[in-house]
């Protein structure tokens, strides 16, 4: 039986974010997700391209998963500012297409990032392209790796592939809540997934913009997600069959490009969903 969740669509502080504006972060108040003990927030940023996810803990912890698309650094930093992020404890890079050398160096310096996490192959690349004067630890996650990211939040690596269609796939366990951030979509990765403990996931981050044939009906049914998050791309359209497969599992689907930024706030038993509308998408 699916756990209870509360769906709330609001403007935080009754404001909307216009990415077309030269400095939207300066024209609105910072967003405070008001986390108490035993609470966590995960925000899927609605950038114009690429993926970026912010994980926040109740003690001020900030973890960033990927950094957006090729030309979205300004947007990303505006969103981080909006959410009051001044320091990031860890940056997770899930695939080679998310490696942008200059941006990663800038973020490490600006947000005092202490640790950069990825697959062994990508970590080797990151070591070579990172400014040697910057003090940062590079951590390699392999299949089966497990790490406590902050109290009550544990990351478990399901797959860490090296192929063109592969990368870092991991679950996040926060109290009773489970999230699956999927990156790989090769046939080899799917075989691993179908043997893994990723059934009945609460939050599912769909890989690669749900492009055609990149996610089988069998795997969707196996994961059986309550909520599915799709980062949209200006260059790719989601596969209608994948959308239908997700709908058939009664999964609520959120498209970052349509609903803009999506924040999920977790308490001990439940979770709430907030969306911050992108003014440009509302017109």
Protein backbone atom coordinates (compact mmCIF):
# COMPACT_ATOMS: atom_id res chain seq x y z
CA UNK A 1 0.00 0.00 0.00
CA UNK A 2 1.34 3.38 -0.93
CA UNK A 3 2.21 5.68 1.94
CA UNK A 4 0.25 8.86 2.47
CA UNK A 5 1.59 12.00 0.88
CA UNK A 6 0.36 15.55 0.71
CA UNK A 7 0.42 17.31 -2.64
CA UNK A 8 0.73 21.04 -2.41
CA UNK A 9 1.35 23.33 -5.37
CA UNK A 10 2.39 26.75 -4.18
CA UNK A 11 4.52 29.76 -4.88
CA UNK A 12 7.05 29.97 -2.06
CA UNK A 13 6.39 33.34 -0.43
CA UNK A 14 3.91 33.94 -3.27
CA UNK A 15 6.60 34.70 -5.80
CA UNK A 16 7.38 33.28 -9.19
CA UNK A 17 10.78 32.90 -10.73
CA UNK A 18 11.46 34.35 -14.15
CA UNK A 19 14.63 32.85 -15.55
CA UNK A 20 14.46 35.35 -18.37
CA UNK A 21 15.12 38.10 -15.85
CA UNK A 22 18.74 39.28 -15.60
CA UNK A 23 18.92 38.57 -11.87
CA UNK A 24 15.82 36.78 -10.60
CA UNK A 25 17.49 35.73 -7.37
CA UNK A 26 17.96 39.37 -6.46
CA UNK A 27 14.31 40.22 -7.04
CA UNK A 28 12.74 37.62 -4.72
CA UNK A 29 13.21 36.51 -1.15
CA UNK A 30 15.35 33.49 -0.42
CA UNK A 31 13.41 30.27 -0.02
CA UNK A 32 13.59 28.67 3.40
CA UNK A 33 12.24 25.13 3.41
CA UNK A 34 12.14 25.36 7.23
CA UNK A 35 13.51 21.94 8.01
CA UNK A 36 13.12 20.62 11.53
CA UNK A 37 14.88 17.66 13.11
CA UNK A 38 14.22 14.42 11.19
CA UNK A 39 13.33 16.31 8.01
CA UNK A 40 14.97 16.60 4.60
CA UNK A 41 14.27 18.43 1.34
CA UNK A 42 15.17 17.37 -2.19
CA UNK A 43 14.83 19.95 -4.95
CA UNK A 44 14.92 19.15 -8.66
CA UNK A 45 15.88 22.42 -10.35
CA UNK A 46 13.91 23.47 -13.41
CA UNK A 47 16.82 24.69 -15.51
CA UNK A 48 16.53 25.29 -19.25
CA UNK A 49 18.79 22.30 -19.86
CA UNK A 50 20.41 19.49 -17.92
CA UNK A 51 19.93 18.02 -14.47
CA UNK A 52 20.70 19.48 -11.04
CA UNK A 53 19.32 18.23 -7.73
CA UNK A 54 19.82 19.79 -4.31
CA UNK A 55 19.57 17.68 -1.15
CA UNK A 56 19.24 19.61 2.12
CA UNK A 57 19.38 18.40 5.72
CA UNK A 58 18.01 19.95 8.88
CA UNK A 59 21.46 20.93 10.15
CA UNK A 60 22.29 23.04 7.11
CA UNK A 61 23.74 20.23 4.99
CA UNK A 62 23.72 20.78 1.22
CA UNK A 63 24.54 18.11 -1.36
CA UNK A 64 24.39 18.83 -5.10
CA UNK A 65 23.84 16.11 -7.70
CA UNK A 66 25.02 17.30 -11.13
CA UNK A 67 25.29 20.91 -12.26
CA UNK A 68 22.84 21.42 -15.11
CA UNK A 69 23.43 21.71 -18.84
CA UNK A 70 26.28 23.18 -20.83
CA UNK A 71 25.06 26.80 -20.62
CA UNK A 72 23.14 26.87 -17.34
CA UNK A 73 25.78 27.87 -14.78
CA UNK A 74 24.17 31.27 -14.15
CA UNK A 75 20.74 29.68 -13.71
CA UNK A 76 22.14 27.09 -11.33
CA UNK A 77 23.86 29.67 -9.14
CA UNK A 78 20.70 31.79 -9.08
CA UNK A 79 18.76 28.79 -7.81
CA UNK A 80 21.39 27.96 -5.20
CA UNK A 81 21.24 31.57 -4.02
CA UNK A 82 17.46 31.45 -3.91
CA UNK A 83 17.59 28.42 -1.63
CA UNK A 84 20.15 30.09 0.60
CA UNK A 85 23.01 27.76 -0.28
CA UNK A 86 26.38 29.20 0.72
CA UNK A 87 28.32 25.97 1.22
CA UNK A 88 28.04 22.54 -0.39
CA UNK A 89 29.49 19.57 1.45
CA UNK A 90 29.48 17.17 -1.52
CA UNK A 91 29.03 17.30 -5.29
CA UNK A 92 27.93 14.09 -7.02
CA UNK A 93 28.54 13.72 -10.76
CA UNK A 94 26.56 10.85 -12.22
CA UNK A 95 27.83 10.63 -15.81
CA UNK A 96 30.51 11.87 -18.18
CA UNK A 97 28.06 14.20 -19.94
CA UNK A 98 27.73 16.09 -16.65
CA UNK A 99 31.44 16.91 -16.47
CA UNK A 100 32.03 20.62 -17.12
CA UNK A 101 35.56 21.44 -16.00
CA UNK A 102 35.32 25.21 -15.58
CA UNK A 103 31.98 25.04 -13.80
CA UNK A 104 33.08 22.32 -11.40
CA UNK A 105 36.20 24.31 -10.52
CA UNK A 106 34.10 27.46 -10.00
CA UNK A 107 31.60 25.64 -7.78
CA UNK A 108 34.32 24.00 -5.69
CA UNK A 109 35.84 27.39 -5.00
CA UNK A 110 32.65 29.41 -4.54
CA UNK A 111 30.80 26.90 -2.34
CA UNK A 112 33.80 25.42 -0.54
CA UNK A 113 32.96 21.92 -1.75
CA UNK A 114 34.90 19.39 0.30
CA UNK A 115 34.14 16.20 -1.65
CA UNK A 116 33.38 15.31 -5.27
CA UNK A 117 31.82 11.87 -5.78
CA UNK A 118 31.47 9.84 -8.95
CA UNK A 119 32.36 6.52 -10.59
CA UNK A 120 36.05 5.50 -10.55
CA UNK A 121 36.42 6.39 -14.25
CA UNK A 122 34.83 9.82 -13.93
CA UNK A 123 36.74 10.51 -10.71
CA UNK A 124 40.00 9.99 -12.58
CA UNK A 125 38.88 12.50 -15.19
CA UNK A 126 37.81 15.00 -12.53
CA UNK A 127 41.17 14.69 -10.79
CA UNK A 128 42.93 15.71 -14.00
CA UNK A 129 40.73 18.70 -14.82
CA UNK A 130 40.38 20.18 -11.35
CA UNK A 131 42.54 23.13 -10.34
CA UNK A 132 45.46 21.56 -8.39
CA UNK A 133 45.50 24.51 -6.00
CA UNK A 134 42.01 23.61 -4.75
CA UNK A 135 41.79 21.28 -1.80
CA UNK A 136 39.02 18.76 -2.47
CA UNK A 137 38.63 15.04 -1.92
CA UNK A 138 37.65 12.81 -4.84
CA UNK A 139 35.61 9.78 -3.84
CA UNK A 140 34.87 6.85 -6.13
CA UNK A 141 31.62 4.95 -5.70
CA UNK A 142 31.37 1.42 -7.04
CA UNK A 143 28.45 -0.98 -7.22
CA UNK A 144 27.59 -1.92 -3.65
CA UNK A 145 29.12 1.20 -2.09
CA UNK A 146 27.18 2.69 0.81
CA UNK A 147 27.70 5.99 2.59
CA UNK A 148 25.94 8.01 5.26
CA UNK A 149 25.63 11.45 3.67
CA UNK A 150 24.30 13.08 6.83
CA UNK A 151 22.36 11.75 9.85
CA UNK A 152 19.39 9.61 8.73
CA UNK A 153 20.36 9.80 5.02
CA UNK A 154 22.24 6.93 3.40
CA UNK A 155 23.24 6.53 -0.25
CA UNK A 156 23.54 3.02 -1.70
CA UNK A 157 25.06 2.49 -5.14
CA UNK A 158 23.06 0.12 -7.33
CA UNK A 159 25.18 0.41 -10.48
CA UNK A 160 28.34 2.20 -11.59
CA UNK A 161 28.87 1.66 -15.28
CA UNK A 162 31.50 2.81 -17.75
CA UNK A 163 29.56 2.45 -21.00
CA UNK A 164 28.26 5.31 -23.13
CA UNK A 165 24.74 4.85 -21.74
CA UNK A 166 25.89 4.30 -18.17
CA UNK A 167 26.97 6.15 -15.06
CA UNK A 168 26.19 6.28 -11.36
CA UNK A 169 22.84 4.94 -10.15
CA UNK A 170 22.01 5.09 -6.46
CA UNK A 171 19.23 5.08 -3.93
CA UNK A 172 18.76 7.47 -1.04
CA UNK A 173 17.23 6.14 2.16
CA UNK A 174 15.89 8.79 4.52
CA UNK A 175 14.04 7.27 7.47
CA UNK A 176 11.13 5.41 5.80
CA UNK A 177 11.51 7.15 2.43
CA UNK A 178 13.38 5.78 -0.59
CA UNK A 179 14.52 7.65 -3.67
CA UNK A 180 16.12 6.18 -6.79
CA UNK A 181 18.26 8.49 -8.91
CA UNK A 182 18.71 6.56 -12.13
CA UNK A 183 21.30 7.46 -14.76
CA UNK A 184 22.18 4.29 -16.70
CA UNK A 185 19.87 2.91 -19.37
CA UNK A 186 21.90 0.10 -20.95
CA UNK A 187 20.59 -3.46 -21.14
CA UNK A 188 23.37 -4.52 -18.74
CA UNK A 189 22.28 -1.93 -16.21
CA UNK A 190 18.64 -3.01 -16.45
CA UNK A 191 19.57 -6.61 -15.66
CA UNK A 192 21.26 -5.39 -12.48
CA UNK A 193 18.31 -3.17 -11.57
CA UNK A 194 15.84 -6.03 -11.93
CA UNK A 195 17.82 -8.01 -9.36
CA UNK A 196 18.24 -5.09 -6.97
CA UNK A 197 16.23 -3.84 -4.02
CA UNK A 198 14.59 -0.92 -5.82
CA UNK A 199 10.98 -2.02 -5.71
CA UNK A 200 8.22 0.30 -4.54
CA UNK A 201 10.34 3.44 -4.67
CA UNK A 202 8.76 6.63 -3.35
CA UNK A 203 10.63 9.09 -5.63
CA UNK A 204 12.08 8.05 -8.99
CA UNK A 205 14.33 10.32 -11.03
CA UNK A 206 13.87 9.11 -14.61
CA UNK A 207 17.07 8.95 -16.71
CA UNK A 208 17.97 10.71 -19.93
CA UNK A 209 14.79 12.76 -20.33
CA UNK A 210 12.76 9.52 -20.83
CA UNK A 211 13.85 9.34 -24.45
CA UNK A 212 12.47 6.62 -26.72
CA UNK A 213 13.06 3.01 -25.60
CA UNK A 214 15.36 4.00 -22.73
CA UNK A 215 13.13 2.59 -20.00
CA UNK A 216 11.29 -0.71 -20.32
CA UNK A 217 7.76 -1.36 -19.09
CA UNK A 218 9.10 -4.27 -17.05
CA UNK A 219 11.54 -2.06 -15.17
CA UNK A 220 8.93 0.65 -14.59
CA UNK A 221 6.58 -1.91 -13.07
CA UNK A 222 9.39 -3.32 -10.96
CA UNK A 223 10.33 0.10 -9.55
CA UNK A 224 6.63 0.99 -9.12
CA UNK A 225 7.30 4.62 -8.12
CA UNK A 226 4.87 6.86 -6.28
CA UNK A 227 6.40 10.01 -7.80
CA UNK A 228 8.40 10.27 -11.03
CA UNK A 229 10.59 13.26 -11.86
CA UNK A 230 11.50 13.97 -15.48
CA UNK A 231 14.08 16.60 -16.33
CA UNK A 232 13.08 17.91 -19.73
CA UNK A 233 15.37 19.02 -22.53
CA UNK A 234 14.79 21.49 -25.33
CA UNK A 235 16.33 18.94 -27.70
CA UNK A 236 14.45 15.80 -26.65
CA UNK A 237 10.83 14.87 -26.06
CA UNK A 238 9.77 12.20 -23.55
CA UNK A 239 8.69 8.89 -25.00
CA UNK A 240 4.85 8.71 -24.74
CA UNK A 241 5.09 4.96 -24.07
CA UNK A 242 7.30 5.56 -21.03
CA UNK A 243 4.86 8.18 -19.76
CA UNK A 244 2.02 5.68 -20.23
CA UNK A 245 3.98 2.98 -18.42
CA UNK A 246 4.58 5.31 -15.46
CA UNK A 247 0.92 6.35 -15.47
CA UNK A 248 -0.14 2.69 -15.43
CA UNK A 249 1.67 2.27 -12.10
CA UNK A 250 -0.34 5.22 -10.74
CA UNK A 251 2.83 7.27 -10.48
CA UNK A 252 2.43 11.06 -10.23
CA UNK A 253 4.67 12.58 -12.92
CA UNK A 254 6.43 15.94 -12.65
CA UNK A 255 8.20 17.55 -15.62
CA UNK A 256 10.71 20.16 -14.52
CA UNK A 257 10.29 22.17 -17.71
CA UNK A 258 6.50 22.34 -17.35
CA UNK A 259 6.16 22.73 -13.59
CA UNK A 260 9.62 24.26 -13.19
CA UNK A 261 11.41 23.53 -9.93
CA UNK A 262 10.05 20.70 -7.77
CA UNK A 263 10.83 20.49 -4.04
CA UNK A 264 9.91 17.45 -1.96
CA UNK A 265 10.01 17.93 1.80
CA UNK A 266 10.25 14.74 3.83
CA UNK A 267 9.14 14.33 7.43
CA UNK A 268 9.43 11.16 9.49
CA UNK A 269 6.31 9.56 7.99
CA UNK A 270 5.10 11.65 5.05
CA UNK A 271 6.25 14.03 2.36
CA UNK A 272 4.96 17.18 0.72
CA UNK A 273 5.53 18.37 -2.83
CA UNK A 274 5.97 22.03 -3.70
CA UNK A 275 6.43 23.50 -7.17
CA UNK A 276 7.91 26.87 -7.99
CA UNK A 277 6.42 28.01 -11.26
CA UNK A 278 8.68 29.32 -13.96
CA UNK A 279 6.97 32.52 -15.13
CA UNK A 280 8.21 31.96 -18.65
CA UNK A 281 6.47 28.59 -18.78
CA UNK A 282 3.22 30.08 -17.50
CA UNK A 283 2.79 32.44 -20.40
